[in-house]
Amino acid sequence: MDPIDYLWKRLTEPLGDEMVLQETNGDDVTCYCCDRKSKYWATDSYVNRQDSYLKMDVPVCAPCNALFLGTQRLGIEKGTPEKPAGFGKLGMLAGCGLIVTAKESIILTNPGWHKRISYSDNVLCRLEMVSGKSAFEYTVALIKELEPADFPVIYISDLGRKKAELVKNLILTSDSKVLISCSANGAARIDLELLDELQTFAVNDKKSWTKFKKFINDASNGRISPSDEKLQEFMASSPESLRLARLLPADPHEKLSLMRIV
């Protein structure tokens, strides 16, 4: 199942009642957001939305449209409870994360959005006021406690504002070994066992960890080459650093993601 359809089936489908939906009636319609043809959607329904750049209506499938919809179930975007100037939109909760499992969904809120969403008397799903690095730590702890039946999982580190980019980067996490962190900026695969080892190294040998992290960041950003003399000398003097370096993902972006969260 496509991740945006999984999000629809597990969380956002009730929002369809608030949409002005049209049926494809067998026509070949392509969603302007996810770029999928209607035969691949989880539902035959879509919404014609006004595109701010094209200045014309474009079709958006119901699962994608749930990110655009202003709904009382996500509190208020602006204004006050007495005079709301707009309802919250799932695809506009910048700074907030989202966890969707087979059994429950949780929005990870920052203080500002937590207050605004909590004005709703029928919130879309459970809220946890935890943000930044604490939000990631919360997610990792939760993932490790899940049963096989709770998977797959969608983990969005930042719902942001770029809905089409977010949809294209959604990937399902299939088990508790590797967490896939999604956002509009991309998707990073995080080996949780390796993460544990890196965190243990950082605590037990702070001096070596500081050097290790700097060398990995510099190499991943192209500031030094793998053959750098000082890097080679350090790895030769620190067997644990060498062992962990060999376990790091090949993708430099995934290396940098790991370094940021340790």
C-alpha atoms as a PDB file:
ATOM      1  CA  MET A   1       0.000   0.000   0.000  1.00  0.00           C
ATOM      2  CA  ASP A   2       1.230   3.474  -0.843  1.00  0.00           C
ATOM      3  CA  PRO A   3       2.193   5.366   2.350  1.00  0.00           C
ATOM      4  CA  ILE A   4      -0.263   8.225   1.701  1.00  0.00           C
ATOM      5  CA  ASP A   5      -3.049   5.644   1.403  1.00  0.00           C
ATOM      6  CA  TYR A   6      -1.890   3.993   4.627  1.00  0.00           C
ATOM      7  CA  LEU A   7      -2.099   7.402   6.305  1.00  0.00           C
ATOM      8  CA  TRP A   8      -5.642   7.742   4.914  1.00  0.00           C
ATOM      9  CA  LYS A   9      -6.783   4.321   6.081  1.00  0.00           C
ATOM     10  CA  ARG A  10      -5.251   4.618   9.563  1.00  0.00           C
ATOM     11  CA  LEU A  11      -5.881   8.268  10.345  1.00  0.00           C
ATOM     12  CA  THR A  12      -7.312  10.752   7.881  1.00  0.00           C
ATOM     13  CA  GLU A  13     -10.224   8.937   6.201  1.00  0.00           C
ATOM     14  CA  PRO A  14     -12.817  10.471   8.597  1.00  0.00           C
ATOM     15  CA  LEU A  15     -11.818  13.888   7.241  1.00  0.00           C
ATOM     16  CA  GLY A  16     -13.408  12.863   3.951  1.00  0.00           C
ATOM     17  CA  ASP A  17     -16.758  13.809   5.475  1.00  0.00           C
ATOM     18  CA  GLU A  18     -15.577  17.443   5.483  1.00  0.00           C
ATOM     19  CA  MET A  19     -14.439  17.464   1.846  1.00  0.00           C
ATOM     20  CA  VAL A  20     -16.375  18.384  -1.278  1.00  0.00           C
ATOM     21  CA  LEU A  21     -15.539  15.142  -3.033  1.00  0.00           C
ATOM     22  CA  GLN A  22     -15.975  14.174  -6.644  1.00  0.00           C
ATOM     23  CA  GLU A  23     -15.928  10.626  -8.010  1.00  0.00           C
ATOM     24  CA  THR A  24     -13.729   9.574 -10.896  1.00  0.00           C
ATOM     25  CA  ASN A  25     -16.583   7.539 -12.416  1.00  0.00           C
ATOM     26  CA  GLY A  26     -14.034   5.454 -14.265  1.00  0.00           C
ATOM     27  CA  ASP A  27     -12.192   8.449 -15.743  1.00  0.00           C
ATOM     28  CA  ASP A  28      -8.395   8.426 -15.742  1.00  0.00           C
ATOM     29  CA  VAL A  29      -7.551  11.196 -13.248  1.00  0.00           C
ATOM     30  CA  THR A  30      -4.014  12.036 -12.051  1.00  0.00           C
ATOM     31  CA  CYS A  31      -3.508  13.567  -8.612  1.00  0.00           C
ATOM     32  CA  TYR A  32      -1.658  16.861  -8.836  1.00  0.00           C
ATOM     33  CA  CYS A  33      -0.025  16.239  -5.420  1.00  0.00           C
ATOM     34  CA  CYS A  34       1.207  12.618  -5.497  1.00  0.00           C
ATOM     35  CA  ASP A  35       1.202  12.274  -9.313  1.00  0.00           C
ATOM     36  CA  ARG A  36      -0.594   8.907  -9.118  1.00  0.00           C
ATOM     37  CA  LYS A  37      -3.308   7.830 -11.514  1.00  0.00           C
ATOM     38  CA  SER A  38      -6.718   7.239  -9.949  1.00  0.00           C
ATOM     39  CA  LYS A  39      -6.586   3.480 -10.454  1.00  0.00           C
ATOM     40  CA  TYR A  40      -3.840   3.394  -7.793  1.00  0.00           C
ATOM     41  CA  TRP A  41      -5.669   5.477  -5.166  1.00  0.00           C
ATOM     42  CA  ALA A  42      -7.179   3.965  -2.032  1.00  0.00           C
ATOM     43  CA  THR A  43     -10.443   5.709  -2.958  1.00  0.00           C
ATOM     44  CA  ASP A  44     -12.081   6.852  -6.194  1.00  0.00           C
ATOM     45  CA  SER A  45     -12.690  10.302  -4.704  1.00  0.00           C
ATOM     46  CA  TYR A  46     -10.830  13.539  -5.267  1.00  0.00           C
ATOM     47  CA  VAL A  47     -11.137  17.295  -4.732  1.00  0.00           C
ATOM     48  CA  ASN A  48     -10.629  20.059  -7.260  1.00  0.00           C
ATOM     49  CA  ARG A  49      -8.330  22.517  -5.493  1.00  0.00           C
ATOM     50  CA  GLN A  50      -7.308  25.990  -6.614  1.00  0.00           C
ATOM     51  CA  ASP A  51      -3.558  25.962  -7.256  1.00  0.00           C
ATOM     52  CA  SER A  52      -2.036  29.252  -6.105  1.00  0.00           C
ATOM     53  CA  TYR A  53       0.652  29.183  -8.818  1.00  0.00           C
ATOM     54  CA  LEU A  54      -1.353  27.938 -11.788  1.00  0.00           C
ATOM     55  CA  LYS A  55      -4.424  29.989 -10.771  1.00  0.00           C
ATOM     56  CA  MET A  56      -6.657  27.103 -11.795  1.00  0.00           C
ATOM     57  CA  ASP A  57      -8.357  24.052 -10.301  1.00  0.00           C
ATOM     58  CA  VAL A  58      -6.307  20.856 -10.135  1.00  0.00           C
ATOM     59  CA  PRO A  59      -7.436  17.359  -9.003  1.00  0.00           C
ATOM     60  CA  VAL A  60      -6.053  16.146  -5.657  1.00  0.00           C
ATOM     61  CA  CYS A  61      -6.911  12.640  -4.440  1.00  0.00           C
ATOM     62  CA  ALA A  62      -8.731  12.446  -1.107  1.00  0.00           C
ATOM     63  CA  PRO A  63      -5.749  10.911   0.768  1.00  0.00           C
ATOM     64  CA  CYS A  64      -3.489  13.798  -0.299  1.00  0.00           C
ATOM     65  CA  ASN A  65      -6.213  16.391   0.205  1.00  0.00           C
ATOM     66  CA  ALA A  66      -6.365  15.461   3.904  1.00  0.00           C
ATOM     67  CA  LEU A  67      -3.059  17.340   4.265  1.00  0.00           C
ATOM     68  CA  PHE A  68      -4.596  20.519   2.770  1.00  0.00           C
ATOM     69  CA  LEU A  69      -7.916  20.470   4.619  1.00  0.00           C
ATOM     70  CA  GLY A  70      -8.561  23.002   7.368  1.00  0.00           C
ATOM     71  CA  THR A  71     -10.472  21.109  10.045  1.00  0.00           C
ATOM     72  CA  GLN A  72     -11.792  21.880  13.517  1.00  0.00           C
ATOM     73  CA  ARG A  73     -10.322  18.515  14.525  1.00  0.00           C
ATOM     74  CA  LEU A  74      -6.890  20.162  14.375  1.00  0.00           C
ATOM     75  CA  GLY A  75      -7.871  23.248  16.342  1.00  0.00           C
ATOM     76  CA  ILE A  76      -7.196  26.733  15.064  1.00  0.00           C
ATOM     77  CA  GLU A  77      -4.413  27.900  12.784  1.00  0.00           C
ATOM     78  CA  LYS A  78      -4.850  31.586  13.599  1.00  0.00           C
ATOM     79  CA  GLY A  79      -7.099  33.762  15.692  1.00  0.00           C
ATOM     80  CA  THR A  80      -8.791  32.747  18.945  1.00  0.00           C
ATOM     81  CA  PRO A  81     -11.273  30.002  19.887  1.00  0.00           C
ATOM     82  CA  GLU A  82     -14.008  32.651  19.885  1.00  0.00           C
ATOM     83  CA  LYS A  83     -12.928  34.116  16.550  1.00  0.00           C
ATOM     84  CA  PRO A  84     -10.899  31.512  14.642  1.00  0.00           C
ATOM     85  CA  ALA A  85      -9.252  32.874  11.492  1.00  0.00           C
ATOM     86  CA  GLY A  86      -8.675  29.407  10.093  1.00  0.00           C
ATOM     87  CA  PHE A  87      -8.644  25.807  11.245  1.00  0.00           C
ATOM     88  CA  GLY A  88      -5.515  23.677  11.555  1.00  0.00           C
ATOM     89  CA  LYS A  89      -4.234  21.671   8.581  1.00  0.00           C
ATOM     90  CA  LEU A  90      -2.262  18.444   8.993  1.00  0.00           C
ATOM     91  CA  GLY A  91       0.104  19.460   6.206  1.00  0.00           C
ATOM     92  CA  MET A  92       0.848  22.826   7.810  1.00  0.00           C
ATOM     93  CA  LEU A  93       1.904  21.771  11.309  1.00  0.00           C
ATOM     94  CA  ALA A  94       5.469  23.018  10.922  1.00  0.00           C
ATOM     95  CA  GLY A  95       7.693  21.790  13.743  1.00  0.00           C
ATOM     96  CA  CYS A  96       5.349  18.922  14.626  1.00  0.00           C
ATOM     97  CA  GLY A  97       5.888  15.221  13.965  1.00  0.00           C
ATOM     98  CA  LEU A  98       3.507  12.330  13.361  1.00  0.00           C
ATOM     99  CA  ILE A  99       3.596   8.630  14.191  1.00  0.00           C
ATOM    100  CA  VAL A 100       1.042   6.339  12.553  1.00  0.00           C
ATOM    101  CA  THR A 101       0.996   2.660  13.511  1.00  0.00           C
ATOM    102  CA  ALA A 102      -1.479  -0.064  12.636  1.00  0.00           C
ATOM    103  CA  LYS A 103      -3.247   0.599  15.942  1.00  0.00           C
ATOM    104  CA  GLU A 104      -2.910   4.300  16.800  1.00  0.00           C
ATOM    105  CA  SER A 105      -1.703   7.690  15.637  1.00  0.00           C
ATOM    106  CA  ILE A 106       0.127  10.385  17.617  1.00  0.00           C
ATOM    107  CA  ILE A 107       0.901  13.975  16.683  1.00  0.00           C
ATOM    108  CA  LEU A 108       4.138  15.142  18.320  1.00  0.00           C
ATOM    109  CA  THR A 109       3.495  18.798  19.046  1.00  0.00           C
ATOM    110  CA  ASN A 110       5.539  21.823  19.981  1.00  0.00           C
ATOM    111  CA  PRO A 111       4.015  24.037  22.713  1.00  0.00           C
ATOM    112  CA  GLY A 112       2.469  26.514  20.273  1.00  0.00           C
ATOM    113  CA  TRP A 113       0.666  23.950  18.157  1.00  0.00           C
ATOM    114  CA  HIS A 114      -0.266  21.849  21.189  1.00  0.00           C
ATOM    115  CA  LYS A 115      -2.226  24.785  22.578  1.00  0.00           C
ATOM    116  CA  ARG A 116      -3.890  25.594  19.254  1.00  0.00           C
ATOM    117  CA  ILE A 117      -4.860  21.990  18.429  1.00  0.00           C
ATOM    118  CA  SER A 118      -6.158  21.433  21.957  1.00  0.00           C
ATOM    119  CA  TYR A 119      -8.898  24.010  21.362  1.00  0.00           C
ATOM    120  CA  SER A 120     -10.662  21.251  19.400  1.00  0.00           C
ATOM    121  CA  ASP A 121     -13.252  19.225  21.301  1.00  0.00           C
ATOM    122  CA  ASN A 122     -12.710  16.293  18.925  1.00  0.00           C
ATOM    123  CA  VAL A 123      -8.983  16.135  18.178  1.00  0.00           C
ATOM    124  CA  LEU A 124      -8.043  13.964  15.211  1.00  0.00           C
ATOM    125  CA  CYS A 125      -5.758  11.716  17.281  1.00  0.00           C
ATOM    126  CA  ARG A 126      -3.658  11.640  20.448  1.00  0.00           C
ATOM    127  CA  LEU A 127      -1.265  14.521  21.100  1.00  0.00           C
ATOM    128  CA  GLU A 128       2.113  14.342  22.821  1.00  0.00           C
ATOM    129  CA  MET A 129       3.811  17.652  23.578  1.00  0.00           C
ATOM    130  CA  VAL A 130       7.372  16.729  22.693  1.00  0.00           C
ATOM    131  CA  SER A 131       9.537  18.354  20.033  1.00  0.00           C
ATOM    132  CA  GLY A 132      13.079  18.582  18.712  1.00  0.00           C
ATOM    133  CA  LYS A 133      15.505  15.873  19.765  1.00  0.00           C
ATOM    134  CA  SER A 134      13.113  14.776  22.524  1.00  0.00           C
ATOM    135  CA  ALA A 135      10.512  13.951  19.871  1.00  0.00           C
ATOM    136  CA  PHE A 136      12.950  11.625  18.131  1.00  0.00           C
ATOM    137  CA  GLU A 137      13.898   9.953  21.427  1.00  0.00           C
ATOM    138  CA  TYR A 138      10.195   9.491  22.188  1.00  0.00           C
ATOM    139  CA  THR A 139       9.666   7.917  18.766  1.00  0.00           C
ATOM    140  CA  VAL A 140      12.594   5.504  19.104  1.00  0.00           C
ATOM    141  CA  ALA A 141      11.397   4.349  22.530  1.00  0.00           C
ATOM    142  CA  LEU A 142       7.892   3.789  21.160  1.00  0.00           C
ATOM    143  CA  ILE A 143       9.108   1.908  18.076  1.00  0.00           C
ATOM    144  CA  LYS A 144      11.176  -0.457  20.227  1.00  0.00           C
ATOM    145  CA  GLU A 145       8.075  -1.345  22.275  1.00  0.00           C
ATOM    146  CA  LEU A 146       5.835  -2.127  19.303  1.00  0.00           C
ATOM    147  CA  GLU A 147       4.698  -5.645  18.463  1.00  0.00           C
ATOM    148  CA  PRO A 148       5.011  -7.045  14.915  1.00  0.00           C
ATOM    149  CA  ALA A 149       1.250  -6.525  14.456  1.00  0.00           C
ATOM    150  CA  ASP A 150       1.718  -2.775  15.019  1.00  0.00           C
ATOM    151  CA  PHE A 151       3.695  -2.409  11.779  1.00  0.00           C
ATOM    152  CA  PRO A 152       4.020  -0.895   9.256  1.00  0.00           C
ATOM    153  CA  VAL A 153       4.587   2.566  10.722  1.00  0.00           C
ATOM    154  CA  ILE A 154       4.826   6.030   9.229  1.00  0.00           C
ATOM    155  CA  TYR A 155       7.152   8.387  11.069  1.00  0.00           C
ATOM    156  CA  ILE A 156       7.173  12.008   9.912  1.00  0.00           C
ATOM    157  CA  SER A 157       9.792  14.032  11.778  1.00  0.00           C
ATOM    158  CA  ASP A 158       8.360  17.380  10.621  1.00  0.00           C
ATOM    159  CA  LEU A 159       4.984  17.785   8.911  1.00  0.00           C
ATOM    160  CA  GLY A 160       6.254  21.129   7.627  1.00  0.00           C
ATOM    161  CA  ARG A 161       4.380  23.039   4.931  1.00  0.00           C
ATOM    162  CA  LYS A 162       5.492  21.433   1.633  1.00  0.00           C
ATOM    163  CA  LYS A 163       2.772  18.848   1.160  1.00  0.00           C
ATOM    164  CA  ALA A 164       3.666  17.445  -2.271  1.00  0.00           C
ATOM    165  CA  GLU A 165       7.318  17.039  -1.288  1.00  0.00           C
ATOM    166  CA  LEU A 166       6.288  15.321   1.943  1.00  0.00           C
ATOM    167  CA  VAL A 167       4.001  12.881   0.122  1.00  0.00           C
ATOM    168  CA  LYS A 168       6.751  11.929  -2.327  1.00  0.00           C
ATOM    169  CA  ASN A 169       9.154  11.204   0.552  1.00  0.00           C
ATOM    170  CA  LEU A 170       6.836   9.018   2.623  1.00  0.00           C
ATOM    171  CA  ILE A 171       8.223   5.512   3.223  1.00  0.00           C
ATOM    172  CA  LEU A 172       6.805   2.886   5.559  1.00  0.00           C
ATOM    173  CA  THR A 173       8.904   1.557   8.450  1.00  0.00           C
ATOM    174  CA  SER A 174       8.413  -2.211   8.369  1.00  0.00           C
ATOM    175  CA  ASP A 175       9.983  -3.316  11.677  1.00  0.00           C
ATOM    176  CA  SER A 176      11.734  -2.120  14.834  1.00  0.00           C
ATOM    177  CA  LYS A 177      15.243  -2.585  13.423  1.00  0.00           C
ATOM    178  CA  VAL A 178      15.360   0.345  10.999  1.00  0.00           C
ATOM    179  CA  LEU A 179      13.334   3.520  11.509  1.00  0.00           C
ATOM    180  CA  ILE A 180      12.632   5.628   8.434  1.00  0.00           C
ATOM    181  CA  SER A 181      12.341   9.312   9.279  1.00  0.00           C
ATOM    182  CA  CYS A 182      10.357  11.215   6.643  1.00  0.00           C
ATOM    183  CA  SER A 183       9.927  14.905   5.898  1.00  0.00           C
ATOM    184  CA  ALA A 184       9.603  17.207   2.906  1.00  0.00           C
ATOM    185  CA  ASN A 185      13.423  17.242   2.779  1.00  0.00           C
ATOM    186  CA  GLY A 186      13.763  13.492   2.265  1.00  0.00           C
ATOM    187  CA  ALA A 187      13.684  10.153   4.045  1.00  0.00           C
ATOM    188  CA  ALA A 188      16.525   8.867   6.245  1.00  0.00           C
ATOM    189  CA  ARG A 189      16.951   5.215   7.256  1.00  0.00           C
ATOM    190  CA  ILE A 190      18.159   4.949  10.852  1.00  0.00           C
ATOM    191  CA  ASP A 191      19.566   1.640  12.086  1.00  0.00           C
ATOM    192  CA  LEU A 192      18.393   1.634  15.698  1.00  0.00           C
ATOM    193  CA  GLU A 193      20.913  -0.980  16.847  1.00  0.00           C
ATOM    194  CA  LEU A 194      23.753   1.071  15.364  1.00  0.00           C
ATOM    195  CA  LEU A 195      22.277   4.183  16.959  1.00  0.00           C
ATOM    196  CA  ASP A 196      22.440   2.477  20.354  1.00  0.00           C
ATOM    197  CA  GLU A 197      26.097   1.593  19.775  1.00  0.00           C
ATOM    198  CA  LEU A 198      26.966   5.153  18.752  1.00  0.00           C
ATOM    199  CA  GLN A 199      25.213   6.586  21.810  1.00  0.00           C
ATOM    200  CA  THR A 200      27.074   4.161  24.087  1.00  0.00           C
ATOM    201  CA  PHE A 201      30.383   5.156  22.474  1.00  0.00           C
ATOM    202  CA  ALA A 202      29.535   8.864  22.906  1.00  0.00           C
ATOM    203  CA  VAL A 203      28.914   8.352  26.633  1.00  0.00           C
ATOM    204  CA  ASN A 204      31.822   6.017  27.387  1.00  0.00           C
ATOM    205  CA  ASP A 205      34.552   7.830  25.438  1.00  0.00           C
ATOM    206  CA  LYS A 206      33.600  11.481  25.001  1.00  0.00           C
ATOM    207  CA  LYS A 207      37.015  12.558  23.725  1.00  0.00           C
ATOM    208  CA  SER A 208      37.143   9.964  20.963  1.00  0.00           C
ATOM    209  CA  TRP A 209      33.484  10.553  20.124  1.00  0.00           C
ATOM    210  CA  THR A 210      34.082  14.271  19.596  1.00  0.00           C
ATOM    211  CA  LYS A 211      36.879  13.525  17.130  1.00  0.00           C
ATOM    212  CA  PHE A 212      34.905  10.714  15.485  1.00  0.00           C
ATOM    213  CA  LYS A 213      31.854  12.914  14.941  1.00  0.00           C
ATOM    214  CA  LYS A 214      33.918  15.762  13.472  1.00  0.00           C
ATOM    215  CA  PHE A 215      35.752  13.445  11.065  1.00  0.00           C
ATOM    216  CA  ILE A 216      32.522  11.776   9.920  1.00  0.00           C
ATOM    217  CA  ASN A 217      30.768  15.129   9.451  1.00  0.00           C
ATOM    218  CA  ASP A 218      33.729  16.588   7.563  1.00  0.00           C
ATOM    219  CA  ALA A 219      34.029  13.536   5.301  1.00  0.00           C
ATOM    220  CA  SER A 220      30.273  13.412   4.656  1.00  0.00           C
ATOM    221  CA  ASN A 221      30.232  17.101   3.732  1.00  0.00           C
ATOM    222  CA  GLY A 222      33.212  16.671   1.398  1.00  0.00           C
ATOM    223  CA  ARG A 223      35.567  18.800   3.484  1.00  0.00           C
ATOM    224  CA  ILE A 224      38.079  15.936   3.751  1.00  0.00           C
ATOM    225  CA  SER A 225      38.598  12.745   1.772  1.00  0.00           C
ATOM    226  CA  PRO A 226      38.479   9.215   3.228  1.00  0.00           C
ATOM    227  CA  SER A 227      42.240   9.081   2.691  1.00  0.00           C
ATOM    228  CA  ASP A 228      42.878  12.150   4.851  1.00  0.00           C
ATOM    229  CA  GLU A 229      46.053  11.537   6.862  1.00  0.00           C
ATOM    230  CA  LYS A 230      44.685  12.751  10.207  1.00  0.00           C
ATOM    231  CA  LEU A 231      41.506  10.710   9.723  1.00  0.00           C
ATOM    232  CA  GLN A 232      43.537   7.577   9.010  1.00  0.00           C
ATOM    233  CA  GLU A 233      45.760   8.192  12.050  1.00  0.00           C
ATOM    234  CA  PHE A 234      42.741   8.618  14.308  1.00  0.00           C
ATOM    235  CA  MET A 235      41.014   5.463  13.052  1.00  0.00           C
ATOM    236  CA  ALA A 236      44.229   3.484  13.545  1.00  0.00           C
ATOM    237  CA  SER A 237      44.470   4.697  17.144  1.00  0.00           C
ATOM    238  CA  SER A 238      40.808   4.031  17.979  1.00  0.00           C
ATOM    239  CA  PRO A 239      39.645   0.504  17.058  1.00  0.00           C
ATOM    240  CA  GLU A 240      36.083   1.220  18.233  1.00  0.00           C
ATOM    241  CA  SER A 241      35.882   4.264  15.970  1.00  0.00           C
ATOM    242  CA  LEU A 242      37.071   2.189  13.024  1.00  0.00           C
ATOM    243  CA  ARG A 243      34.562  -0.576  13.776  1.00  0.00           C
ATOM    244  CA  LEU A 244      31.649   1.869  14.008  1.00  0.00           C
ATOM    245  CA  ALA A 245      32.747   3.802  10.934  1.00  0.00           C
ATOM    246  CA  ARG A 246      32.529   0.589   8.913  1.00  0.00           C
ATOM    247  CA  LEU A 247      28.923   0.101  10.111  1.00  0.00           C
ATOM    248  CA  LEU A 248      27.755   3.563   9.056  1.00  0.00           C
ATOM    249  CA  PRO A 249      25.481   3.834   6.000  1.00  0.00           C
ATOM    250  CA  ALA A 250      27.142   4.584   2.682  1.00  0.00           C
ATOM    251  CA  ASP A 251      24.837   7.527   1.986  1.00  0.00           C
ATOM    252  CA  PRO A 252      26.490  10.700   3.371  1.00  0.00           C
ATOM    253  CA  HIS A 253      23.084  12.250   4.127  1.00  0.00           C
ATOM    254  CA  GLU A 254      22.161   9.272   6.295  1.00  0.00           C
ATOM    255  CA  LYS A 255      25.539   9.505   8.040  1.00  0.00           C
ATOM    256  CA  LEU A 256      24.865  13.156   8.848  1.00  0.00           C
ATOM    257  CA  SER A 257      21.370  12.331  10.103  1.00  0.00           C
ATOM    258  CA  LEU A 258      22.826   9.794  12.515  1.00  0.00           C
ATOM    259  CA  MET A 259      25.446  12.213  13.766  1.00  0.00           C
ATOM    260  CA  ARG A 260      22.815  14.877  14.444  1.00  0.00           C
ATOM    261  CA  ILE A 261      20.662  12.654  16.640  1.00  0.00           C
ATOM    262  CA  VAL A 262      23.330  10.899  18.742  1.00  0.00           C
END
